[in-house]
C-alpha atoms as a PDB file:
ATOM      1  CA  MET A   1     121.711  81.428 144.869  1.00  0.00           C
ATOM      2  CA  THR A   2     125.583  80.421 143.975  1.00  0.00           C
ATOM      3  CA  PRO A   3     125.652  76.951 142.796  1.00  0.00           C
ATOM      4  CA  ILE A   4     127.443  74.044 145.086  1.00  0.00           C
ATOM      5  CA  ALA A   5     130.217  73.048 143.137  1.00  0.00           C
ATOM      6  CA  ALA A   6     130.467  69.306 142.544  1.00  0.00           C
ATOM      7  CA  ALA A   7     134.058  69.159 144.278  1.00  0.00           C
ATOM      8  CA  ASP A   8     132.196  70.328 147.531  1.00  0.00           C
ATOM      9  CA  ILE A   9     129.513  67.448 147.916  1.00  0.00           C
ATOM     10  CA  THR A  10     130.463  63.991 149.049  1.00  0.00           C
ATOM     11  CA  GLY A  11     128.123  60.753 147.642  1.00  0.00           C
ATOM     12  CA  PRO A  12     127.392  58.649 150.422  1.00  0.00           C
ATOM     13  CA  SER A  13     126.206  55.021 149.267  1.00  0.00           C
ATOM     14  CA  SER A  14     125.117  52.508 151.280  1.00  0.00           C
ATOM     15  CA  PRO A  15     125.894  48.787 149.563  1.00  0.00           C
ATOM     16  CA  VAL A  16     122.541  47.534 150.486  1.00  0.00           C
ATOM     17  CA  VAL A  17     119.856  48.425 153.013  1.00  0.00           C
ATOM     18  CA  ALA A  18     117.984  45.341 153.297  1.00  0.00           C
ATOM     19  CA  PRO A  19     115.468  43.572 156.177  1.00  0.00           C
ATOM     20  CA  PRO A  20     117.643  42.063 159.169  1.00  0.00           C
ATOM     21  CA  ALA A  21     116.660  38.644 158.460  1.00  0.00           C
ATOM     22  CA  TRP A  22     119.115  39.190 155.501  1.00  0.00           C
ATOM     23  CA  ALA A  23     121.916  40.460 157.288  1.00  0.00           C
ATOM     24  CA  ALA A  24     124.005  36.835 156.872  1.00  0.00           C
ATOM     25  CA  SER A  25     124.638  37.781 152.940  1.00  0.00           C
ATOM     26  CA  ALA A  26     126.872  40.552 151.735  1.00  0.00           C
ATOM     27  CA  LYS A  27     124.130  41.579 149.217  1.00  0.00           C
ATOM     28  CA  GLY A  28     126.172  44.671 147.986  1.00  0.00           C
ATOM     29  CA  LEU A  29     128.879  42.262 146.589  1.00  0.00           C
ATOM     30  CA  GLN A  30     126.428  39.762 145.106  1.00  0.00           C
ATOM     31  CA  SER A  31     127.238  39.941 141.008  1.00  0.00           C
ATOM     32  CA  HIS A  32     124.877  42.264 139.026  1.00  0.00           C
ATOM     33  CA  LEU A  33     125.030  42.770 135.248  1.00  0.00           C
ATOM     34  CA  GLY A  34     129.011  41.736 135.827  1.00  0.00           C
ATOM     35  CA  MET A  35     129.953  43.976 138.495  1.00  0.00           C
ATOM     36  CA  PRO A  36     129.256  43.878 142.452  1.00  0.00           C
ATOM     37  CA  LEU A  37     125.852  45.473 143.246  1.00  0.00           C
ATOM     38  CA  ALA A  38     127.185  48.098 145.636  1.00  0.00           C
ATOM     39  CA  LEU A  39     129.894  49.065 142.792  1.00  0.00           C
ATOM     40  CA  HIS A  40     126.898  50.187 140.461  1.00  0.00           C
ATOM     41  CA  PRO A  41     125.580  53.644 142.275  1.00  0.00           C
ATOM     42  CA  LEU A  42     129.280  54.663 143.181  1.00  0.00           C
ATOM     43  CA  LEU A  43     129.877  54.508 139.299  1.00  0.00           C
ATOM     44  CA  ARG A  44     126.602  56.765 138.920  1.00  0.00           C
ATOM     45  CA  LEU A  45     127.344  58.920 141.616  1.00  0.00           C
ATOM     46  CA  GLN A  46     131.309  59.917 141.369  1.00  0.00           C
ATOM     47  CA  PRO A  47     131.124  62.109 137.702  1.00  0.00           C
ATOM     48  CA  GLN A  48     128.450  64.119 139.959  1.00  0.00           C
ATOM     49  CA  VAL A  49     130.488  64.684 143.036  1.00  0.00           C
ATOM     50  CA  GLY A  50     134.009  65.860 144.200  1.00  0.00           C
ATOM     51  CA  HIS A  51     134.315  62.399 147.063  1.00  0.00           C
ATOM     52  CA  LEU A  52     132.718  58.746 147.904  1.00  0.00           C
ATOM     53  CA  MET A  53     131.988  57.251 150.809  1.00  0.00           C
ATOM     54  CA  VAL A  54     130.352  54.080 151.489  1.00  0.00           C
ATOM     55  CA  ASN A  55     128.475  53.223 154.299  1.00  0.00           C
ATOM     56  CA  ALA A  56     129.015  49.155 155.202  1.00  0.00           C
ATOM     57  CA  ASN A  57     129.736  47.190 158.456  1.00  0.00           C
ATOM     58  CA  ARG A  58     130.818  43.875 156.863  1.00  0.00           C
ATOM     59  CA  ASN A  59     133.777  42.909 154.414  1.00  0.00           C
ATOM     60  CA  LEU A  60     135.190  46.315 154.820  1.00  0.00           C
ATOM     61  CA  ALA A  61     138.096  45.511 152.455  1.00  0.00           C
ATOM     62  CA  ALA A  62     136.257  44.381 149.584  1.00  0.00           C
ATOM     63  CA  TYR A  63     134.365  47.227 149.956  1.00  0.00           C
ATOM     64  CA  GLU A  64     137.326  49.704 150.436  1.00  0.00           C
ATOM     65  CA  ALA A  65     138.652  47.750 146.955  1.00  0.00           C
ATOM     66  CA  PHE A  66     135.976  49.874 145.094  1.00  0.00           C
ATOM     67  CA  GLY A  67     138.591  52.909 146.348  1.00  0.00           C
ATOM     68  CA  ALA A  68     136.146  55.185 148.022  1.00  0.00           C
ATOM     69  CA  PRO A  69     136.589  55.360 152.017  1.00  0.00           C
ATOM     70  CA  VAL A  70     134.058  53.247 154.133  1.00  0.00           C
ATOM     71  CA  TRP A  71     132.303  54.357 157.173  1.00  0.00           C
ATOM     72  CA  PRO A  72     130.731  51.437 159.361  1.00  0.00           C
ATOM     73  CA  ASP A  73     127.324  52.206 161.288  1.00  0.00           C
ATOM     74  CA  ALA A  74     128.147  54.736 164.386  1.00  0.00           C
ATOM     75  CA  LEU A  75     125.471  52.453 166.359  1.00  0.00           C
ATOM     76  CA  PRO A  76     125.679  49.340 167.814  1.00  0.00           C
ATOM     77  CA  ASP A  77     123.830  46.210 165.711  1.00  0.00           C
ATOM     78  CA  TYR A  78     123.603  47.837 162.386  1.00  0.00           C
ATOM     79  CA  PRO A  79     120.216  49.943 162.908  1.00  0.00           C
ATOM     80  CA  ARG A  80     119.166  50.697 159.650  1.00  0.00           C
ATOM     81  CA  PRO A  81     118.932  53.121 158.346  1.00  0.00           C
ATOM     82  CA  ALA A  82     119.387  55.571 161.482  1.00  0.00           C
ATOM     83  CA  GLY A  83     123.188  53.703 162.208  1.00  0.00           C
ATOM     84  CA  GLY A  84     123.852  54.198 158.768  1.00  0.00           C
ATOM     85  CA  HIS A  85     123.114  57.866 158.889  1.00  0.00           C
ATOM     86  CA  ALA A  86     124.914  58.045 162.253  1.00  0.00           C
ATOM     87  CA  GLY A  87     127.693  56.553 160.417  1.00  0.00           C
ATOM     88  CA  ARG A  88     127.803  59.071 157.579  1.00  0.00           C
ATOM     89  CA  ALA A  89     127.217  62.013 159.787  1.00  0.00           C
ATOM     90  CA  ARG A  90     130.276  61.475 162.336  1.00  0.00           C
ATOM     91  CA  ALA A  91     132.645  61.175 159.053  1.00  0.00           C
ATOM     92  CA  PRO A  92     135.195  64.896 159.424  1.00  0.00           C
ATOM     93  CA  ARG A  93     134.383  66.555 156.667  1.00  0.00           C
ATOM     94  CA  ASP A  94     138.188  66.563 155.934  1.00  0.00           C
ATOM     95  CA  ALA A  95     138.389  63.464 156.197  1.00  0.00           C
ATOM     96  CA  PRO A  96     139.719  61.635 152.606  1.00  0.00           C
ATOM     97  CA  GLY A  97     137.063  61.219 150.689  1.00  0.00           C
ATOM     98  CA  CYS A  98     134.425  63.685 152.656  1.00  0.00           C
END
């Protein structure tokens, strides 16, 4: 079997999957160990994949500042986790960062 090159892999990240009752706070932007919580998985994935992408629905500019394309849920009302998976699936393969 031929191994897949890291350049051909996109690492998706959802800032924080949480119950709907927590939706009002931007959990992924809360500081954890001196940096936004959502940045931790991106930094771990970055050396392992060719591209990164973030699934987020609010504070898009803040997540875009992390340097990866941001794809909101494709389904209305943020039906996690299905909406996030649908958002990542609809990202065109040739889009920047995909």
